[in-house]
Amino acid sequence: MRHSMELRIATITDAAAIIAFDHVAALEPARVRLIHDQIKSSACYVAVIDANVVAYAVLNYKFYDNGWIEMLYVHPQFRRQGIGSALIRHLINECRTPKLFTSTNQSNVPMQQLLATLEFDRSGFIENLDESDPELVYFKRLRDNAT
């Protein structure tokens, strides 16, 4: 049975739920700080099903003043159900700049497939962030600069 999903800006009360399913947050205090900081700056968005936060994403403008999806994380039990896709589509609509960028590791094939489905184009790669796993940068033009 498909339940309705709400996409909205995260509130500080969502932090505990996000931290509970983000496996990196369990290991890295810096990730917990990132989650709190992004929520406080209204850059964190969540997908909610049946009053449970099941995914989150961060949209900011730190990448050369362009829209930048810094993070997308779907609860493992809710993956491959269209939630990540819905969240990125929401960020595309929310983005205030004509260009939107994101990145993922070369090893993260599901994210690469998701970005291809949403018509993001490869824009290059960055070596040496993660050992032997280049970061692939993606780009989507949302509108012409003239508009």
Foldseek 3Di string as FASTA:
>chain_A
DDFDKDKDQDAPVLLVLVCVQPVVSVPDVVVSVVSNVQSVVSQKMFIDGPNHTFKIWGWDLPPVRFTETEDIDGRPVCPPVCPSLVNVVVVLVVTPDQKYKYKDWPPPVVVVVSCVVVPWAWDAWDPDPDPPIIITMTMDGSDDPVD
